[in-house]
Amino acid sequence: MKRVVGIGNQDFEVIRRENYFYIDKTRFIKMWWESGDTVTLIARPRLFGKTLTMSMAETFFSARFANRGDLFEGLEIWNSEKMRHFQGDFPVISLSFANIKEPDYETARRKICQTLSNLYAQHSFLFDGAVLDERGERFFRSVSVDMDDTAATMAIHQLSMYLSQYYGKRVIILLDEYDTPMQEAYVNGYWERLVSFVRSILNAAFKTNPFLERAIMTGTTRVSKESVFSDLNNLEVITTTSEKYADCFGFTEQEVFDALDEYNMSDRREEVKKWYDGFTFGGQRDIYNPWSILNYLDKGRAEPYWAKSSSNRLVGKLIREGSKGLKDSFQCLLQGETIIAEMDEQIVYDQLDEDEQAVWSLLLAGGYLQVKQLKIVMSATDEWKKEYELALTNFEIKVMFRHLVRKWFAGAASGYNDFIKALLMGDVRAMNVYMNRVALATFSYFDTGKNPSGEEPERFYHGFVLGLMVELADQYILTSNRESGFGRYDVMLEPRMPGNDGMILEFKVQDTNSEKELADTVQEALNQIEKKQYERMLIEKGIPEDEIRRYGFAFRGKTVLIGEG
């Protein structure tokens, strides 16, 4: 009989007790323990089983679950006689920063303090023993939502000491989603202050802690060592390309196919593979995200479950506000092509606004991109660098990004849709009316703060090009910034079906020194199309010259003028 799928259940004890659907990942416990690593940081995309793995580790090691080996009977870890002796044998400190998603530093700090205070409340039994002297009791009671930085910084360290003395053993510390508050800090502009606070907590917990046996941290990203882990030299970092624990997070293809068999869905393998396959960790390919698979088993239909489970706000912001080059690369990805990026897998948040490679690092860590190939390239000066060939992970991610691009123009939806209709009909007057409505409503949405779109409108119109590509994908092959004739055109629309006109779009910002009116700028754009013979590529593909439309787009601030040549 098929097991019940418990959507969202991340409590290992409950899953095992109720016999909910579960894929055995307990080999991770043995692999991690035998590695001998003191502090392990595991970066995996969201909803990839990190929290369940932490619950599994706590259930296995924690003295709170002593004599609960029944929860592991029949699982791979229980085959190891050596590992059985460790079940329920350690004091374990387990906490999560997953819910710390605050708009300002003060609220984020307060919520971290509340998390630490709750942790102490769970261990109030320490008052009943002989561990806490008067000073210890005073510190214990000082841990609250209103505590000062010194108490907050030392809270995990001190609790480690109390538990170690109580049990006579050093502690295991499990910190889940360590980077969630830092991502929110970046988005909301208080990165530096929060990083300083969190760095002090982590240093006291993991570096200067003689009561620590082992520790695991999980997160979506590997925040740069210089930012957060500058004092930790005992840290083993597991990223997307690491071989360690490659199949311990997410489902392998065989595990997915076995699950489909259990739920009488064997005939749906191709659909599931198209939608959800594509994640790669180390050399392990064909990894599926658990959240989408569980929902598919439960509901029996393909939808972007993983993609819809988060607002994807940071990802949308980075692409929307990104440079022309970043948007061009993103366009290639949306069309199923690959890009080559040189990058470091650690995330330097304060460089995301300035460094395109940092954006690709974040998208890779987040699960939006997969590594098709990784090369180590040596330069002439014997310096080496990593080159990543990247692609969108799967169809689900492509659907998510199409929806994300559409949301950029949600505030001007009617005008945007009317512009698309006018473009297809070749109605230049209507194109001008609706394009100006769209620009007025959405221009500033593409601002970075450092480069306002009024000064750098390329961010807007290259975002607009991505919107065109998404909306017209069924009717046109859209390319931009490609060579044709004697130069690089801005946008080309190649019809998929005979009978539709091809189109060339050229964008220009008014040069007020040489162009008195926007009409002059439009004419310059049209002259460039003719002079550079951009239509040559369309003609070579069999499209008659009289079925090729040429448009010049002229920008002055939020004002746009479109002309046809």
Protein backbone atom coordinates (compact mmCIF):
# COMPACT_ATOMS: atom_id res chain seq x y z
CA MET A 1 0.00 0.00 0.00
CA LYS A 2 1.36 3.42 -0.92
CA ARG A 3 2.41 5.65 1.93
CA VAL A 4 0.80 9.01 2.74
CA VAL A 5 2.76 12.03 1.44
CA GLY A 6 3.09 14.50 4.31
CA ILE A 7 3.58 17.79 2.48
CA GLY A 8 5.76 20.20 4.45
CA ASN A 9 6.49 17.76 7.29
CA GLN A 10 10.14 18.21 8.26
CA ASP A 11 10.08 16.39 11.60
CA PHE A 12 11.96 13.10 11.26
CA GLU A 13 10.33 11.54 14.33
CA VAL A 14 6.79 12.27 13.07
CA ILE A 15 7.56 11.00 9.55
CA ARG A 16 8.91 7.71 10.89
CA ARG A 17 6.25 7.27 13.58
CA GLU A 18 3.37 7.88 11.13
CA ASN A 19 5.08 5.99 8.29
CA TYR A 20 4.79 8.94 5.91
CA PHE A 21 6.54 8.75 2.55
CA TYR A 22 10.28 8.96 3.15
CA ILE A 23 13.37 8.27 1.05
CA ASP A 24 16.21 6.94 3.18
CA LYS A 25 19.04 9.46 3.45
CA THR A 26 20.45 8.23 6.75
CA ARG A 27 23.77 7.30 5.12
CA PHE A 28 24.55 11.01 5.45
CA ILE A 29 24.91 10.54 9.23
CA LYS A 30 27.60 7.90 8.85
CA MET A 31 29.40 9.77 6.05
CA TRP A 32 29.43 13.00 8.06
CA TRP A 33 30.56 11.38 11.30
CA GLU A 34 33.34 9.41 9.67
CA SER A 35 34.61 12.48 7.82
CA GLY A 36 35.94 13.81 11.13
CA ASP A 37 35.15 17.41 10.11
CA THR A 38 34.58 19.68 13.09
CA VAL A 39 32.29 22.26 11.47
CA THR A 40 30.52 21.50 8.20
CA LEU A 41 28.66 24.09 6.13
CA ILE A 42 26.33 22.56 3.54
CA ALA A 43 24.91 24.88 0.88
CA ARG A 44 21.91 23.52 -1.01
CA PRO A 45 18.88 25.16 -2.65
CA ARG A 46 15.79 25.78 -0.55
CA LEU A 47 13.38 22.89 0.05
CA PHE A 48 16.06 20.31 -0.71
CA GLY A 49 15.77 18.37 2.52
CA LYS A 50 18.21 20.40 4.62
CA THR A 51 15.80 20.92 7.52
CA LEU A 52 14.69 17.27 7.50
CA THR A 53 18.35 16.21 7.47
CA MET A 54 19.02 18.38 10.52
CA SER A 55 15.99 16.87 12.25
CA MET A 56 17.27 13.41 11.33
CA ALA A 57 20.72 14.20 12.76
CA GLU A 58 19.22 15.59 15.96
CA THR A 59 16.98 12.54 16.38
CA PHE A 60 19.95 10.23 15.89
CA PHE A 61 22.51 11.92 18.14
CA SER A 62 20.50 13.79 20.77
CA ALA A 63 20.22 12.49 24.33
CA ARG A 64 16.63 13.70 24.10
CA PHE A 65 16.01 10.70 21.82
CA ALA A 66 17.99 8.13 23.81
CA ASN A 67 16.68 4.59 23.33
CA ARG A 68 14.74 5.60 20.20
CA GLY A 69 16.64 3.34 17.84
CA ASP A 70 13.24 2.10 16.65
CA LEU A 71 13.00 5.26 14.54
CA PHE A 72 16.00 4.07 12.51
CA GLU A 73 15.24 0.38 12.23
CA GLY A 74 15.11 -0.71 8.61
CA LEU A 75 17.14 2.31 7.48
CA GLU A 76 20.69 2.21 6.13
CA ILE A 77 22.35 3.78 9.19
CA TRP A 78 21.09 0.95 11.42
CA ASN A 79 23.16 -1.56 9.47
CA SER A 80 26.29 -0.07 11.07
CA GLU A 81 26.96 -1.63 14.46
CA LYS A 82 29.47 1.11 15.21
CA MET A 83 27.04 3.94 14.50
CA ARG A 84 24.26 2.37 16.58
CA HIS A 85 26.29 3.14 19.70
CA PHE A 86 26.07 6.88 18.98
CA GLN A 87 22.27 6.97 18.87
CA GLY A 88 20.98 9.24 21.65
CA ASP A 89 24.49 9.68 23.05
CA PHE A 90 25.20 13.45 22.81
CA PRO A 91 23.81 16.75 24.03
CA VAL A 92 22.58 18.55 20.90
CA ILE A 93 21.86 22.24 20.40
CA SER A 94 19.51 22.66 17.45
CA LEU A 95 18.27 26.01 16.16
CA SER A 96 17.13 27.61 12.93
CA PHE A 97 17.26 31.10 11.42
CA ALA A 98 14.71 30.15 8.74
CA ASN A 99 12.02 32.53 9.97
CA ILE A 100 14.21 35.60 10.36
CA LYS A 101 13.12 37.62 7.33
CA GLU A 102 12.84 41.13 8.69
CA PRO A 103 12.72 44.56 7.01
CA ASP A 104 15.24 46.26 9.33
CA TYR A 105 18.24 45.47 11.51
CA GLU A 106 16.61 46.13 14.87
CA THR A 107 13.77 43.68 14.19
CA ALA A 108 16.13 41.05 12.77
CA ARG A 109 18.45 41.31 15.77
CA ARG A 110 15.50 41.09 18.14
CA LYS A 111 14.21 37.97 16.40
CA ILE A 112 17.62 36.28 16.60
CA CYS A 113 17.65 37.06 20.30
CA GLN A 114 14.16 35.58 20.60
CA THR A 115 15.40 32.41 18.89
CA LEU A 116 18.25 32.15 21.39
CA SER A 117 15.89 32.85 24.27
CA ASN A 118 13.57 30.06 23.11
CA LEU A 119 16.58 27.75 22.96
CA TYR A 120 17.37 28.48 26.60
CA ALA A 121 13.74 27.91 27.59
CA GLN A 122 13.98 24.40 26.09
CA HIS A 123 16.88 23.68 28.45
CA SER A 124 15.40 25.09 31.66
CA PHE A 125 15.90 21.65 33.22
CA LEU A 126 19.50 22.77 33.83
CA PHE A 127 18.23 24.72 36.83
CA ASP A 128 17.38 21.42 38.49
CA GLY A 129 20.94 20.08 38.40
CA ALA A 130 24.19 21.13 39.97
CA VAL A 131 25.54 22.71 36.79
CA LEU A 132 24.49 26.33 37.24
CA ASP A 133 26.16 28.33 39.98
CA GLU A 134 24.92 31.81 40.91
CA ARG A 135 26.75 33.43 38.02
CA GLY A 136 25.48 30.76 35.60
CA GLU A 137 21.90 31.27 36.75
CA ARG A 138 22.29 35.02 36.32
CA PHE A 139 23.54 34.60 32.73
CA PHE A 140 20.86 32.02 31.94
CA ARG A 141 18.14 34.44 33.05
CA SER A 142 19.73 37.31 31.11
CA VAL A 143 19.20 35.55 27.79
CA SER A 144 16.08 37.26 26.49
CA VAL A 145 14.75 39.17 23.53
CA ASP A 146 16.15 42.36 25.11
CA MET A 147 19.66 41.10 25.93
CA ASP A 148 22.74 43.08 24.96
CA ASP A 149 25.22 42.09 22.24
CA THR A 150 27.61 40.44 24.70
CA ALA A 151 24.96 38.04 26.03
CA ALA A 152 23.64 37.30 22.52
CA THR A 153 27.13 36.65 21.18
CA MET A 154 27.96 34.21 23.99
CA ALA A 155 24.54 32.51 24.30
CA ILE A 156 25.33 29.38 22.24
CA HIS A 157 28.84 29.15 23.67
CA GLN A 158 27.59 29.30 27.27
CA LEU A 159 24.77 26.83 26.65
CA SER A 160 27.38 24.45 25.18
CA MET A 161 29.32 24.68 28.43
CA TYR A 162 26.25 24.06 30.62
CA LEU A 163 25.12 21.05 28.56
CA SER A 164 28.64 19.61 28.38
CA GLN A 165 28.93 19.77 32.17
CA TYR A 166 25.44 18.30 32.64
CA TYR A 167 25.94 15.32 30.31
CA GLY A 168 29.70 14.89 30.67
CA LYS A 169 30.14 15.11 26.90
CA ARG A 170 30.87 17.80 24.37
CA VAL A 171 27.94 19.06 22.32
CA ILE A 172 26.83 18.81 18.72
CA ILE A 173 25.48 22.08 17.31
CA LEU A 174 23.02 22.14 14.39
CA LEU A 175 22.25 25.55 12.83
CA ASP A 176 19.73 25.41 10.00
CA GLU A 177 19.30 28.16 7.35
CA TYR A 178 22.10 30.28 8.78
CA ASP A 179 22.04 32.69 5.81
CA THR A 180 18.31 33.51 5.59
CA PRO A 181 18.57 36.69 7.72
CA MET A 182 21.62 37.80 5.74
CA GLN A 183 19.80 37.54 2.41
CA GLU A 184 17.01 39.69 3.81
CA ALA A 185 19.60 42.13 5.19
CA TYR A 186 21.05 42.56 1.70
CA VAL A 187 17.65 43.15 0.10
CA ASN A 188 16.62 45.63 2.80
CA GLY A 189 19.89 47.51 3.12
CA TYR A 190 21.30 46.55 6.53
CA TRP A 191 23.87 43.95 5.46
CA GLU A 192 26.94 45.34 7.24
CA ARG A 193 25.29 45.69 10.65
CA LEU A 194 23.75 42.21 10.64
CA VAL A 195 26.88 40.47 9.36
CA SER A 196 28.91 41.95 12.20
CA PHE A 197 26.39 40.66 14.75
CA VAL A 198 26.08 37.17 13.24
CA ARG A 199 29.85 36.84 12.78
CA SER A 200 30.37 37.31 16.51
CA ILE A 201 27.76 34.66 17.35
CA LEU A 202 29.24 32.11 14.94
CA ASN A 203 32.79 32.76 16.09
CA ALA A 204 31.89 32.17 19.75
CA ALA A 205 29.83 29.07 18.90
CA PHE A 206 32.14 27.35 16.42
CA LYS A 207 35.67 28.72 16.80
CA THR A 208 36.38 29.59 20.43
CA ASN A 209 34.22 26.84 21.91
CA PRO A 210 36.10 24.07 23.79
CA PHE A 211 32.78 22.35 24.51
CA LEU A 212 32.05 21.68 20.82
CA GLU A 213 32.23 18.12 19.50
CA ARG A 214 30.93 18.65 15.95
CA ALA A 215 28.66 21.10 14.14
CA ILE A 216 26.61 21.36 10.96
CA MET A 217 25.36 24.55 9.38
CA THR A 218 23.03 24.57 6.40
CA GLY A 219 21.98 27.36 4.08
CA THR A 220 21.23 28.21 0.48
CA THR A 221 24.50 30.03 -0.09
CA ARG A 222 28.10 30.01 1.02
CA VAL A 223 28.48 33.57 2.25
CA SER A 224 32.03 34.76 1.67
CA LYS A 225 34.60 33.79 4.29
CA GLU A 226 35.72 37.41 4.59
CA SER A 227 32.17 38.52 5.43
CA VAL A 228 31.06 35.97 8.02
CA PHE A 229 33.63 33.21 8.58
CA SER A 230 36.85 35.20 8.75
CA ASP A 231 37.68 33.69 12.16
CA LEU A 232 36.74 30.10 11.32
CA ASN A 233 39.64 28.03 10.01
CA ASN A 234 37.99 24.72 11.01
CA LEU A 235 35.19 24.97 8.44
CA GLU A 236 34.50 22.34 5.75
CA VAL A 237 32.37 23.95 3.04
CA ILE A 238 30.14 21.85 0.77
CA THR A 239 28.93 23.73 -2.33
CA THR A 240 27.08 22.76 -5.49
CA THR A 241 30.20 21.36 -7.15
CA SER A 242 31.51 19.45 -4.11
CA GLU A 243 31.60 15.68 -4.37
CA LYS A 244 30.88 15.14 -0.65
CA TYR A 245 27.26 14.28 0.17
CA ALA A 246 26.34 14.73 -3.52
CA ASP A 247 23.33 12.37 -3.38
CA CYS A 248 22.33 13.06 0.23
CA PHE A 249 20.15 16.07 -0.57
CA GLY A 250 17.46 15.86 -3.21
CA PHE A 251 16.20 12.68 -4.87
CA THR A 252 18.20 10.66 -7.39
CA GLU A 253 16.50 9.61 -10.60
CA GLN A 254 16.21 6.00 -9.43
CA GLU A 255 14.62 7.14 -6.17
CA VAL A 256 12.10 9.23 -8.13
CA PHE A 257 11.25 6.42 -10.54
CA ASP A 258 10.81 3.98 -7.62
CA ALA A 259 8.42 6.47 -6.02
CA LEU A 260 6.42 6.79 -9.25
CA ASP A 261 6.13 2.99 -9.31
CA GLU A 262 4.84 2.99 -5.72
CA TYR A 263 2.13 5.52 -6.63
CA ASN A 264 1.16 3.79 -9.90
CA MET A 265 2.61 6.58 -12.04
CA SER A 266 5.28 4.64 -13.90
CA ASP A 267 3.98 5.96 -17.22
CA ARG A 268 4.78 9.55 -16.18
CA ARG A 269 8.53 9.29 -16.00
CA GLU A 270 9.17 11.45 -19.08
CA GLU A 271 6.90 14.23 -17.86
CA VAL A 272 8.50 14.27 -14.42
CA LYS A 273 12.00 14.21 -15.93
CA LYS A 274 11.21 17.13 -18.25
CA TRP A 275 9.81 19.27 -15.44
CA TYR A 276 11.98 18.47 -12.43
CA ASP A 277 15.26 16.81 -13.44
CA GLY A 278 18.47 18.79 -13.94
CA PHE A 279 20.02 19.54 -10.57
CA THR A 280 23.69 18.56 -10.35
CA PHE A 281 25.79 18.25 -7.20
CA GLY A 282 29.43 17.37 -7.69
CA GLY A 283 29.52 14.60 -10.27
CA GLN A 284 26.01 13.41 -9.38
CA ARG A 285 23.62 14.33 -12.18
CA ASP A 286 19.87 13.79 -12.52
CA ILE A 287 18.97 15.09 -9.08
CA TYR A 288 15.34 16.12 -8.53
CA ASN A 289 14.07 18.63 -6.00
CA PRO A 290 12.06 16.86 -3.26
CA TRP A 291 9.38 19.54 -2.88
CA SER A 292 8.14 19.25 -6.47
CA ILE A 293 8.31 15.45 -6.47
CA LEU A 294 6.33 15.16 -3.22
CA ASN A 295 3.68 17.54 -4.53
CA TYR A 296 3.54 15.68 -7.84
CA LEU A 297 3.03 12.36 -6.04
CA ASP A 298 0.35 13.94 -3.88
CA LYS A 299 -1.56 15.87 -6.56
CA GLY A 300 -0.78 13.87 -9.67
CA ARG A 301 -0.09 16.79 -12.00
CA ALA A 302 2.91 18.83 -13.13
CA GLU A 303 3.15 22.39 -11.87
CA PRO A 304 6.03 24.68 -10.85
CA TYR A 305 5.69 23.67 -7.18
CA TRP A 306 9.26 24.49 -6.13
CA ALA A 307 9.33 27.71 -8.10
CA LYS A 308 6.03 28.89 -6.56
CA SER A 309 7.14 28.11 -3.01
CA SER A 310 9.08 31.39 -2.67
CA SER A 311 8.71 34.97 -3.85
CA ASN A 312 12.11 34.78 -5.62
CA ARG A 313 12.37 38.48 -4.75
CA LEU A 314 16.16 38.71 -4.61
CA VAL A 315 16.58 36.84 -7.90
CA GLY A 316 14.04 39.07 -9.63
CA LYS A 317 15.70 42.22 -8.29
CA LEU A 318 19.16 41.21 -9.48
CA ILE A 319 18.06 40.36 -13.02
CA ARG A 320 15.66 43.29 -13.35
CA GLU A 321 18.26 45.82 -12.21
CA GLY A 322 21.14 44.05 -13.93
CA SER A 323 23.27 45.41 -16.74
CA LYS A 324 22.69 44.97 -20.45
CA GLY A 325 25.25 42.15 -20.50
CA LEU A 326 23.54 40.29 -17.68
CA LYS A 327 20.15 40.59 -19.38
CA ASP A 328 21.63 39.42 -22.69
CA SER A 329 23.05 36.34 -20.95
CA PHE A 330 19.77 35.72 -19.20
CA GLN A 331 17.98 35.88 -22.54
CA CYS A 332 20.28 33.16 -23.87
CA LEU A 333 19.43 31.00 -20.85
CA LEU A 334 15.69 31.48 -21.38
CA GLN A 335 16.09 30.29 -24.95
CA GLY A 336 17.73 27.05 -23.84
CA GLU A 337 21.30 28.08 -24.57
CA THR A 338 24.27 27.95 -22.19
CA ILE A 339 26.55 30.72 -20.97
CA ILE A 340 30.15 30.65 -19.79
CA ALA A 341 30.88 32.36 -16.49
CA GLU A 342 34.06 32.73 -14.48
CA MET A 343 33.10 32.91 -10.82
CA ASP A 344 33.69 31.94 -7.22
CA GLU A 345 31.00 29.88 -5.51
CA GLN A 346 31.17 31.95 -2.35
CA ILE A 347 28.65 34.77 -2.35
CA VAL A 348 29.85 38.30 -1.74
CA TYR A 349 26.56 40.07 -1.15
CA ASP A 350 27.93 43.58 -1.22
CA GLN A 351 29.23 42.90 -4.75
CA LEU A 352 25.94 41.70 -6.21
CA ASP A 353 25.08 45.17 -7.52
CA GLU A 354 28.42 45.54 -9.28
CA ASP A 355 29.73 42.08 -10.18
CA GLU A 356 27.82 40.04 -12.75
CA GLN A 357 29.73 36.90 -11.78
CA ALA A 358 28.45 37.20 -8.20
CA VAL A 359 24.89 37.09 -9.57
CA TRP A 360 25.60 33.83 -11.43
CA SER A 361 27.11 32.43 -8.22
CA LEU A 362 23.91 33.23 -6.34
CA LEU A 363 21.69 31.72 -9.06
CA LEU A 364 23.80 28.56 -9.10
CA ALA A 365 23.69 28.19 -5.33
CA GLY A 366 19.95 28.82 -5.35
CA GLY A 367 19.29 25.97 -7.77
CA TYR A 368 18.20 28.14 -10.70
CA LEU A 369 21.21 27.11 -12.80
CA GLN A 370 22.97 23.82 -13.37
CA VAL A 371 26.63 23.24 -14.22
CA LYS A 372 26.92 21.56 -17.61
CA GLN A 373 30.69 21.58 -17.48
CA LEU A 374 33.41 22.93 -15.17
CA LYS A 375 36.88 23.70 -16.49
CA ILE A 376 40.05 24.75 -14.71
CA VAL A 377 41.78 27.19 -17.06
CA MET A 378 45.44 28.21 -16.68
CA SER A 379 46.54 31.64 -17.83
CA ALA A 380 49.85 32.56 -19.45
CA THR A 381 51.05 33.74 -16.03
CA ASP A 382 50.23 30.37 -14.42
CA GLU A 383 47.16 31.71 -12.66
CA TRP A 384 44.16 29.40 -12.66
CA LYS A 385 40.46 30.16 -12.80
CA LYS A 386 37.23 28.18 -12.89
CA GLU A 387 34.99 28.48 -15.94
CA TYR A 388 31.44 27.24 -15.54
CA GLU A 389 29.17 26.35 -18.45
CA LEU A 390 25.71 27.12 -17.08
CA ALA A 391 22.13 26.45 -18.17
CA LEU A 392 18.70 26.81 -16.61
CA THR A 393 18.12 23.79 -14.42
CA ASN A 394 14.88 22.49 -15.92
CA PHE A 395 11.50 23.35 -17.40
CA GLU A 396 10.07 24.29 -14.00
CA ILE A 397 12.73 26.99 -13.62
CA LYS A 398 12.07 28.29 -17.12
CA VAL A 399 8.35 28.60 -16.31
CA MET A 400 9.25 30.45 -13.10
CA PHE A 401 11.47 32.97 -14.88
CA ARG A 402 8.89 33.63 -17.58
CA HIS A 403 6.38 34.41 -14.84
CA LEU A 404 8.95 36.59 -13.07
CA VAL A 405 9.54 38.67 -16.23
CA ARG A 406 5.79 39.09 -16.75
CA LYS A 407 5.49 40.44 -13.21
CA TRP A 408 7.90 43.26 -14.08
CA PHE A 409 5.16 44.80 -16.21
CA ALA A 410 2.22 43.90 -14.00
CA GLY A 411 1.75 47.55 -13.01
CA ALA A 412 1.19 48.44 -16.67
CA ALA A 413 -0.36 45.16 -17.79
CA SER A 414 -3.08 46.57 -20.03
CA GLY A 415 -0.72 49.01 -21.76
CA TYR A 416 1.94 46.33 -22.14
CA ASN A 417 -0.46 43.82 -23.68
CA ASP A 418 -1.87 46.52 -25.97
CA PHE A 419 1.67 47.37 -27.10
CA ILE A 420 2.28 43.72 -28.02
CA LYS A 421 -0.94 43.67 -30.06
CA ALA A 422 -0.03 46.93 -31.80
CA LEU A 423 3.47 45.61 -32.61
CA LEU A 424 2.04 42.47 -34.18
CA MET A 425 -0.42 44.55 -36.22
CA GLY A 426 2.24 47.08 -37.26
CA ASP A 427 0.22 50.00 -35.83
CA VAL A 428 2.99 52.53 -35.10
CA ARG A 429 0.66 55.19 -33.70
CA ALA A 430 -0.77 52.75 -31.15
CA MET A 431 2.72 51.42 -30.39
CA ASN A 432 3.77 54.95 -29.40
CA VAL A 433 0.75 55.48 -27.16
CA TYR A 434 1.10 52.22 -25.28
CA MET A 435 4.90 52.19 -25.10
CA ASN A 436 4.88 55.56 -23.37
CA ARG A 437 2.30 54.33 -20.88
CA VAL A 438 4.47 51.30 -20.10
CA ALA A 439 7.65 53.38 -19.79
CA LEU A 440 5.99 55.90 -17.49
CA ALA A 441 4.64 53.15 -15.22
CA THR A 442 7.68 50.87 -15.07
CA PHE A 443 10.82 52.88 -15.94
CA SER A 444 11.89 53.49 -12.33
CA TYR A 445 11.18 49.83 -11.47
CA PHE A 446 14.46 48.97 -13.22
CA ASP A 447 16.50 51.47 -11.19
CA THR A 448 19.39 50.15 -9.14
CA GLY A 449 19.54 53.19 -6.90
CA LYS A 450 23.10 53.77 -8.06
CA ASN A 451 22.24 54.09 -11.74
CA PRO A 452 18.74 55.58 -12.13
CA SER A 453 17.06 54.47 -15.34
CA GLY A 454 16.54 58.10 -16.35
CA GLU A 455 20.31 58.26 -16.76
CA GLU A 456 20.81 54.67 -17.89
CA PRO A 457 17.65 53.61 -19.78
CA GLU A 458 19.36 50.50 -21.15
CA ARG A 459 18.28 48.69 -17.95
CA PHE A 460 14.68 49.41 -18.84
CA TYR A 461 14.65 48.61 -22.52
CA HIS A 462 16.71 45.45 -22.19
CA GLY A 463 14.24 44.33 -19.54
CA PHE A 464 11.54 45.25 -22.01
CA VAL A 465 13.23 43.03 -24.60
CA LEU A 466 13.08 40.09 -22.18
CA GLY A 467 9.38 40.81 -21.80
CA LEU A 468 8.92 40.72 -25.57
CA MET A 469 10.75 37.42 -25.75
CA VAL A 470 8.54 35.83 -23.10
CA GLU A 471 5.28 37.07 -24.63
CA LEU A 472 6.16 36.30 -28.26
CA ALA A 473 8.07 33.03 -27.74
CA ASP A 474 5.39 30.97 -29.49
CA GLN A 475 5.37 33.17 -32.59
CA TYR A 476 8.92 34.48 -32.89
CA ILE A 477 12.52 33.56 -32.21
CA LEU A 478 13.85 36.67 -30.52
CA THR A 479 17.57 37.43 -30.46
CA SER A 480 19.46 40.53 -29.38
CA ASN A 481 22.93 41.97 -29.65
CA ARG A 482 23.94 39.46 -32.36
CA GLU A 483 26.00 40.03 -35.48
CA SER A 484 24.20 40.50 -38.79
CA GLY A 485 25.44 42.37 -41.83
CA PHE A 486 28.14 44.80 -40.66
CA GLY A 487 27.28 45.19 -37.00
CA ARG A 488 25.25 44.09 -34.00
CA TYR A 489 21.52 44.74 -34.00
CA ASP A 490 19.60 45.43 -30.80
CA VAL A 491 16.62 43.11 -31.33
CA MET A 492 15.56 40.78 -34.13
CA LEU A 493 12.25 38.92 -34.29
CA GLU A 494 12.37 35.96 -36.64
CA PRO A 495 8.91 34.52 -37.38
CA ARG A 496 8.39 30.85 -36.55
CA MET A 497 5.56 30.51 -39.08
CA PRO A 498 5.50 31.66 -42.72
CA GLY A 499 3.29 34.66 -43.38
CA ASN A 500 4.42 36.69 -40.36
CA ASP A 501 6.74 39.66 -40.87
CA GLY A 502 10.24 39.67 -39.49
CA MET A 503 11.19 42.69 -37.35
CA ILE A 504 14.32 44.60 -36.44
CA LEU A 505 14.25 46.96 -33.43
CA GLU A 506 17.01 49.46 -32.75
CA PHE A 507 17.13 51.47 -29.49
CA LYS A 508 18.86 54.83 -29.09
CA VAL A 509 19.09 57.37 -26.29
CA GLN A 510 18.81 60.94 -27.54
CA ASP A 511 22.13 62.74 -27.92
CA THR A 512 21.02 66.32 -27.25
CA ASN A 513 24.27 67.69 -28.69
CA SER A 514 23.50 66.47 -32.20
CA GLU A 515 19.80 65.52 -32.10
CA LYS A 516 17.43 68.41 -31.35
CA GLU A 517 14.26 66.33 -31.48
CA LEU A 518 13.42 62.72 -30.65
CA ALA A 519 12.46 62.32 -34.30
CA ASP A 520 16.12 62.93 -35.18
CA THR A 521 17.13 60.11 -32.82
CA VAL A 522 14.56 57.79 -34.41
CA GLN A 523 16.02 58.57 -37.83
CA GLU A 524 19.53 57.83 -36.57
CA ALA A 525 18.34 54.42 -35.38
CA LEU A 526 16.67 53.67 -38.73
CA ASN A 527 19.76 54.86 -40.63
CA GLN A 528 21.90 52.48 -38.57
CA ILE A 529 19.64 49.52 -39.45
CA GLU A 530 19.98 50.36 -43.15
CA LYS A 531 23.68 51.20 -43.07
CA LYS A 532 24.66 48.07 -41.14
CA GLN A 533 22.33 45.84 -43.21
CA TYR A 534 20.90 44.15 -40.14
CA GLU A 535 18.19 42.52 -42.25
CA ARG A 536 20.74 40.28 -43.98
CA MET A 537 20.31 37.42 -41.46
CA LEU A 538 16.54 37.35 -41.96
CA ILE A 539 16.92 37.44 -45.75
CA GLU A 540 19.39 34.55 -45.61
CA LYS A 541 16.72 32.57 -43.72
CA GLY A 542 14.29 33.03 -46.61
CA ILE A 543 12.24 35.98 -45.40
CA PRO A 544 11.50 38.39 -48.31
CA GLU A 545 12.81 41.92 -47.80
CA ASP A 546 9.32 43.39 -48.15
CA GLU A 547 8.23 41.24 -45.18
CA ILE A 548 10.81 42.74 -42.83
CA ARG A 549 9.76 45.67 -40.63
CA ARG A 550 12.31 48.11 -39.21
CA TYR A 551 11.63 50.17 -36.09
CA GLY A 552 13.67 52.85 -34.38
CA PHE A 553 13.03 53.48 -30.65
CA ALA A 554 14.23 56.82 -29.28
CA PHE A 555 14.46 57.47 -25.53
CA ARG A 556 14.59 60.73 -23.60
CA GLY A 557 14.09 59.97 -19.93
CA LYS A 558 10.70 58.25 -19.65
CA THR A 559 9.56 59.55 -23.06
CA VAL A 560 9.74 57.19 -26.03
CA LEU A 561 9.21 57.81 -29.74
CA ILE A 562 8.92 54.92 -32.21
CA GLY A 563 9.29 55.29 -35.96
CA GLU A 564 9.19 52.81 -38.86
CA GLY A 565 11.60 52.81 -41.78
